Amino acid sequence: FVHSRTAAGLGLADDDWVWIESINGKVKGQIKLVDGVNVDTVWTWNAIGKRRGSWGLKDDAAESNRGFLLNHIIGDQTSADANGRRYSNSDPVTGQAAWFDLR
């Protein structure tokens, strides 16, 4: 999900295919335009892509036919800052993955 203003600035439209990249790799995914996310945020939920048959999904479930997985491009540390420091790529309170450096 991408804010419509952000997408417009990048010349993107609803349902366009884009590369989602990190220092660990990239994956191609389809965007949906919404105004309910921060303009500097690309948002997804954990269940956007699952392998067919996992989680008890039916064979025709959208998550296994149209979704995509991001897990393999999400590292456990952020990209290095200007001083070469890397930080935990997780929420400092809960410890859950925060995915700060995907673009």
N, C-alpha and C. Protein backbone atom coordinates (compact mmCIF):
# COMPACT_ATOMS: atom_id res chain seq x y z
N PHE A 1 0.85 -1.17 0.00
CA PHE A 1 0.00 0.00 0.00
C PHE A 1 0.89 1.23 0.00
N VAL A 2 0.61 2.15 -0.91
CA VAL A 2 1.39 3.37 -1.07
C VAL A 2 0.43 4.55 -1.06
N HIS A 3 0.82 5.62 -0.37
CA HIS A 3 -0.01 6.83 -0.37
C HIS A 3 -0.14 7.34 -1.81
N SER A 4 -1.31 7.78 -2.18
CA SER A 4 -1.55 8.21 -3.56
C SER A 4 -0.68 9.40 -3.96
N ARG A 5 -0.37 10.28 -3.02
CA ARG A 5 0.48 11.44 -3.32
C ARG A 5 1.92 10.99 -3.60
N THR A 6 2.39 10.03 -2.82
CA THR A 6 3.73 9.48 -3.05
C THR A 6 3.81 8.81 -4.41
N ALA A 7 2.81 8.01 -4.72
CA ALA A 7 2.77 7.31 -6.01
C ALA A 7 2.74 8.30 -7.17
N ALA A 8 1.93 9.35 -7.04
CA ALA A 8 1.83 10.35 -8.11
C ALA A 8 3.19 11.01 -8.35
N GLY A 9 3.92 11.29 -7.27
CA GLY A 9 5.25 11.90 -7.40
C GLY A 9 6.26 11.00 -8.08
N LEU A 10 6.00 9.69 -8.04
CA LEU A 10 6.89 8.72 -8.68
C LEU A 10 6.36 8.26 -10.03
N GLY A 11 5.22 8.83 -10.44
CA GLY A 11 4.63 8.43 -11.71
C GLY A 11 3.99 7.06 -11.69
N LEU A 12 3.52 6.63 -10.51
CA LEU A 12 2.92 5.30 -10.35
C LEU A 12 1.42 5.39 -10.24
N ALA A 13 0.74 4.34 -10.68
CA ALA A 13 -0.72 4.27 -10.61
C ALA A 13 -1.14 3.01 -9.87
N ASP A 14 -2.39 2.97 -9.46
CA ASP A 14 -2.94 1.81 -8.77
C ASP A 14 -2.72 0.55 -9.60
N ASP A 15 -2.30 -0.51 -8.95
CA ASP A 15 -2.04 -1.83 -9.56
C ASP A 15 -0.76 -1.89 -10.39
N ASP A 16 0.08 -0.84 -10.37
CA ASP A 16 1.37 -0.91 -11.05
C ASP A 16 2.26 -1.93 -10.35
N TRP A 17 3.17 -2.51 -11.10
CA TRP A 17 4.17 -3.42 -10.56
C TRP A 17 5.44 -2.64 -10.28
N VAL A 18 6.03 -2.85 -9.10
CA VAL A 18 7.24 -2.14 -8.69
C VAL A 18 8.22 -3.12 -8.06
N TRP A 19 9.47 -2.71 -7.99
CA TRP A 19 10.48 -3.46 -7.26
C TRP A 19 10.54 -2.92 -5.83
N ILE A 20 10.48 -3.80 -4.85
CA ILE A 20 10.65 -3.45 -3.44
C ILE A 20 12.04 -3.94 -3.08
N GLU A 21 12.92 -3.02 -2.68
CA GLU A 21 14.33 -3.35 -2.54
C GLU A 21 14.87 -3.09 -1.14
N SER A 22 15.88 -3.87 -0.78
CA SER A 22 16.65 -3.66 0.44
C SER A 22 18.10 -4.01 0.13
N ILE A 23 18.98 -3.89 1.11
CA ILE A 23 20.37 -4.27 0.90
C ILE A 23 20.51 -5.78 0.70
N ASN A 24 19.46 -6.54 1.01
CA ASN A 24 19.50 -8.00 0.91
C ASN A 24 18.94 -8.54 -0.40
N GLY A 25 18.32 -7.70 -1.20
CA GLY A 25 17.74 -8.18 -2.45
C GLY A 25 16.53 -7.37 -2.84
N LYS A 26 15.74 -7.92 -3.75
CA LYS A 26 14.54 -7.22 -4.19
C LYS A 26 13.47 -8.24 -4.58
N VAL A 27 12.23 -7.78 -4.56
CA VAL A 27 11.09 -8.60 -4.95
C VAL A 27 10.12 -7.70 -5.71
N LYS A 28 9.47 -8.26 -6.70
CA LYS A 28 8.50 -7.47 -7.47
C LYS A 28 7.12 -7.67 -6.86
N GLY A 29 6.40 -6.55 -6.69
CA GLY A 29 5.07 -6.61 -6.12
C GLY A 29 4.16 -5.57 -6.76
N GLN A 30 2.89 -5.76 -6.59
CA GLN A 30 1.89 -4.85 -7.14
C GLN A 30 1.42 -3.89 -6.06
N ILE A 31 1.31 -2.60 -6.39
CA ILE A 31 0.93 -1.61 -5.39
C ILE A 31 -0.56 -1.31 -5.44
N LYS A 32 -1.07 -0.93 -4.29
CA LYS A 32 -2.44 -0.42 -4.16
C LYS A 32 -2.31 0.97 -3.56
N LEU A 33 -3.03 1.92 -4.14
CA LEU A 33 -2.98 3.30 -3.66
C LEU A 33 -4.02 3.52 -2.57
N VAL A 34 -3.57 4.12 -1.47
CA VAL A 34 -4.44 4.45 -0.35
C VAL A 34 -3.97 5.78 0.24
N ASP A 35 -4.84 6.45 0.94
CA ASP A 35 -4.45 7.68 1.63
C ASP A 35 -4.35 7.47 3.13
N GLY A 36 -4.52 6.24 3.59
CA GLY A 36 -4.50 5.95 5.01
C GLY A 36 -3.15 5.55 5.55
N VAL A 37 -2.08 5.76 4.79
CA VAL A 37 -0.73 5.49 5.29
C VAL A 37 0.08 6.78 5.21
N ASN A 38 1.13 6.86 6.00
CA ASN A 38 2.04 8.00 5.96
C ASN A 38 2.64 8.12 4.56
N VAL A 39 2.83 9.33 4.09
CA VAL A 39 3.35 9.53 2.73
C VAL A 39 4.77 8.97 2.56
N ASP A 40 5.50 8.77 3.65
CA ASP A 40 6.85 8.22 3.58
C ASP A 40 6.90 6.73 3.87
N THR A 41 5.76 6.07 3.84
CA THR A 41 5.68 4.66 4.22
C THR A 41 5.11 3.82 3.09
N VAL A 42 5.74 2.69 2.85
CA VAL A 42 5.16 1.64 2.02
C VAL A 42 4.71 0.58 3.00
N TRP A 43 3.43 0.26 3.01
CA TRP A 43 2.88 -0.59 4.05
C TRP A 43 2.44 -1.94 3.48
N THR A 44 2.66 -2.96 4.26
CA THR A 44 2.18 -4.29 3.94
C THR A 44 1.83 -4.99 5.24
N TRP A 45 1.12 -6.07 5.18
CA TRP A 45 0.88 -6.85 6.38
C TRP A 45 1.53 -8.20 6.20
N ASN A 46 1.77 -8.87 7.30
CA ASN A 46 2.51 -10.12 7.28
C ASN A 46 1.85 -11.18 6.42
N ALA A 47 0.55 -11.14 6.27
CA ALA A 47 -0.16 -12.20 5.54
C ALA A 47 -0.34 -11.89 4.06
N ILE A 48 0.42 -10.94 3.52
CA ILE A 48 0.19 -10.58 2.13
C ILE A 48 0.62 -11.68 1.16
N GLY A 49 1.49 -12.54 1.58
CA GLY A 49 1.90 -13.64 0.71
C GLY A 49 2.18 -14.89 1.51
N LYS A 50 1.57 -15.96 1.12
CA LYS A 50 1.79 -17.25 1.77
C LYS A 50 1.87 -18.32 0.69
N ARG A 51 2.62 -19.34 0.96
CA ARG A 51 2.66 -20.45 0.01
C ARG A 51 1.35 -21.21 0.03
N ARG A 52 0.95 -21.65 -1.14
CA ARG A 52 -0.29 -22.42 -1.28
C ARG A 52 -0.24 -23.62 -0.32
N GLY A 53 -1.30 -23.78 0.44
CA GLY A 53 -1.40 -24.89 1.37
C GLY A 53 -0.95 -24.56 2.78
N SER A 54 -0.21 -23.44 2.97
CA SER A 54 0.21 -23.08 4.32
C SER A 54 -0.90 -22.35 5.05
N TRP A 55 -0.83 -22.33 6.35
CA TRP A 55 -1.78 -21.63 7.19
C TRP A 55 -3.22 -22.09 6.94
N GLY A 56 -3.40 -23.26 6.38
CA GLY A 56 -4.75 -23.76 6.12
C GLY A 56 -5.48 -22.99 5.03
N LEU A 57 -4.73 -22.29 4.17
CA LEU A 57 -5.35 -21.52 3.10
C LEU A 57 -5.94 -22.44 2.05
N LYS A 58 -7.03 -22.03 1.48
CA LYS A 58 -7.61 -22.76 0.36
C LYS A 58 -6.74 -22.54 -0.87
N ASP A 59 -6.80 -23.46 -1.81
CA ASP A 59 -5.96 -23.36 -3.00
C ASP A 59 -6.20 -22.09 -3.80
N ASP A 60 -7.40 -21.53 -3.73
CA ASP A 60 -7.69 -20.33 -4.51
C ASP A 60 -7.60 -19.04 -3.68
N ALA A 61 -6.99 -19.10 -2.50
CA ALA A 61 -6.87 -17.92 -1.64
C ALA A 61 -5.99 -16.86 -2.30
N ALA A 62 -6.41 -15.61 -2.20
CA ALA A 62 -5.66 -14.50 -2.81
C ALA A 62 -4.23 -14.42 -2.29
N GLU A 63 -4.03 -14.73 -1.00
CA GLU A 63 -2.68 -14.65 -0.41
C GLU A 63 -1.69 -15.57 -1.10
N SER A 64 -2.17 -16.70 -1.63
CA SER A 64 -1.25 -17.63 -2.28
C SER A 64 -1.23 -17.48 -3.79
N ASN A 65 -2.13 -16.71 -4.34
CA ASN A 65 -2.17 -16.53 -5.79
C ASN A 65 -1.75 -15.14 -6.25
N ARG A 66 -2.01 -14.11 -5.44
CA ARG A 66 -1.68 -12.74 -5.83
C ARG A 66 -0.67 -12.09 -4.90
N GLY A 67 -0.45 -12.65 -3.73
CA GLY A 67 0.45 -12.05 -2.76
C GLY A 67 1.91 -12.27 -3.10
N PHE A 68 2.78 -11.62 -2.34
CA PHE A 68 4.22 -11.81 -2.52
C PHE A 68 4.87 -11.78 -1.14
N LEU A 69 5.97 -12.50 -1.00
CA LEU A 69 6.68 -12.58 0.27
C LEU A 69 7.85 -11.60 0.30
N LEU A 70 7.98 -10.91 1.43
CA LEU A 70 9.07 -9.96 1.62
C LEU A 70 10.16 -10.49 2.55
N ASN A 71 9.90 -11.58 3.24
CA ASN A 71 10.79 -12.03 4.31
C ASN A 71 12.25 -12.14 3.89
N HIS A 72 12.52 -12.64 2.69
CA HIS A 72 13.91 -12.88 2.29
C HIS A 72 14.68 -11.59 1.99
N ILE A 73 14.02 -10.44 1.91
CA ILE A 73 14.76 -9.19 1.68
C ILE A 73 14.83 -8.32 2.94
N ILE A 74 14.30 -8.83 4.04
CA ILE A 74 14.31 -8.08 5.30
C ILE A 74 15.44 -8.60 6.18
N GLY A 75 16.44 -7.75 6.41
CA GLY A 75 17.57 -8.14 7.23
C GLY A 75 17.32 -7.89 8.71
N ASP A 76 18.20 -8.42 9.55
CA ASP A 76 18.05 -8.20 10.98
C ASP A 76 18.74 -6.92 11.44
N GLN A 77 19.45 -6.24 10.54
CA GLN A 77 20.07 -4.96 10.85
C GLN A 77 19.75 -3.96 9.74
N THR A 78 19.74 -2.67 10.09
CA THR A 78 19.50 -1.62 9.11
C THR A 78 20.75 -1.41 8.25
N SER A 79 20.59 -0.67 7.18
CA SER A 79 21.74 -0.27 6.37
C SER A 79 22.64 0.61 7.23
N ALA A 80 23.93 0.65 6.91
CA ALA A 80 24.87 1.46 7.68
C ALA A 80 24.56 2.94 7.52
N ASP A 81 24.70 3.69 8.62
CA ASP A 81 24.50 5.15 8.55
C ASP A 81 25.80 5.79 8.05
N ALA A 82 25.86 7.12 8.05
CA ALA A 82 27.03 7.84 7.53
C ALA A 82 28.31 7.49 8.27
N ASN A 83 28.20 7.04 9.52
CA ASN A 83 29.37 6.66 10.32
C ASN A 83 29.64 5.16 10.29
N GLY A 84 28.92 4.44 9.45
CA GLY A 84 29.13 3.00 9.33
C GLY A 84 28.41 2.16 10.37
N ARG A 85 27.61 2.79 11.22
CA ARG A 85 26.89 2.05 12.27
C ARG A 85 25.63 1.42 11.70
N ARG A 86 25.35 0.21 12.16
CA ARG A 86 24.11 -0.49 11.81
C ARG A 86 23.35 -0.77 13.10
N TYR A 87 22.04 -0.74 13.01
CA TYR A 87 21.20 -0.93 14.19
C TYR A 87 20.26 -2.10 13.98
N SER A 88 19.72 -2.58 15.08
CA SER A 88 18.74 -3.65 15.00
C SER A 88 17.54 -3.18 14.19
N ASN A 89 17.12 -3.98 13.25
CA ASN A 89 15.99 -3.65 12.39
C ASN A 89 14.70 -4.11 13.07
N SER A 90 14.50 -3.63 14.29
CA SER A 90 13.34 -4.06 15.07
C SER A 90 12.83 -2.91 15.93
N ASP A 91 11.61 -3.03 16.35
CA ASP A 91 11.01 -2.05 17.24
C ASP A 91 11.73 -2.11 18.58
N PRO A 92 12.20 -0.98 19.12
CA PRO A 92 12.96 -1.01 20.37
C PRO A 92 12.13 -1.42 21.58
N VAL A 93 10.82 -1.32 21.51
CA VAL A 93 9.98 -1.68 22.65
C VAL A 93 9.57 -3.15 22.59
N THR A 94 9.05 -3.59 21.46
CA THR A 94 8.53 -4.96 21.36
C THR A 94 9.54 -5.96 20.84
N GLY A 95 10.55 -5.48 20.11
CA GLY A 95 11.52 -6.38 19.50
C GLY A 95 11.05 -6.98 18.19
N GLN A 96 9.84 -6.66 17.77
CA GLN A 96 9.32 -7.20 16.51
C GLN A 96 9.99 -6.50 15.33
N ALA A 97 10.06 -7.21 14.21
CA ALA A 97 10.67 -6.66 13.01
C ALA A 97 10.00 -5.35 12.62
N ALA A 98 10.81 -4.36 12.28
CA ALA A 98 10.27 -3.05 11.92
C ALA A 98 10.49 -2.70 10.46
N TRP A 99 11.46 -3.34 9.82
CA TRP A 99 11.69 -3.17 8.38
C TRP A 99 11.95 -1.72 8.01
N PHE A 100 12.88 -1.09 8.71
CA PHE A 100 13.16 0.33 8.52
C PHE A 100 13.82 0.66 7.19
N ASP A 101 14.48 -0.28 6.54
CA ASP A 101 15.29 0.11 5.38
C ASP A 101 14.85 -0.50 4.06
N LEU A 102 13.60 -0.86 3.91
CA LEU A 102 13.10 -1.29 2.60
C LEU A 102 12.72 -0.06 1.80
N ARG A 103 12.93 -0.08 0.51
CA ARG A 103 12.60 1.05 -0.36
C ARG A 103 11.89 0.56 -1.59
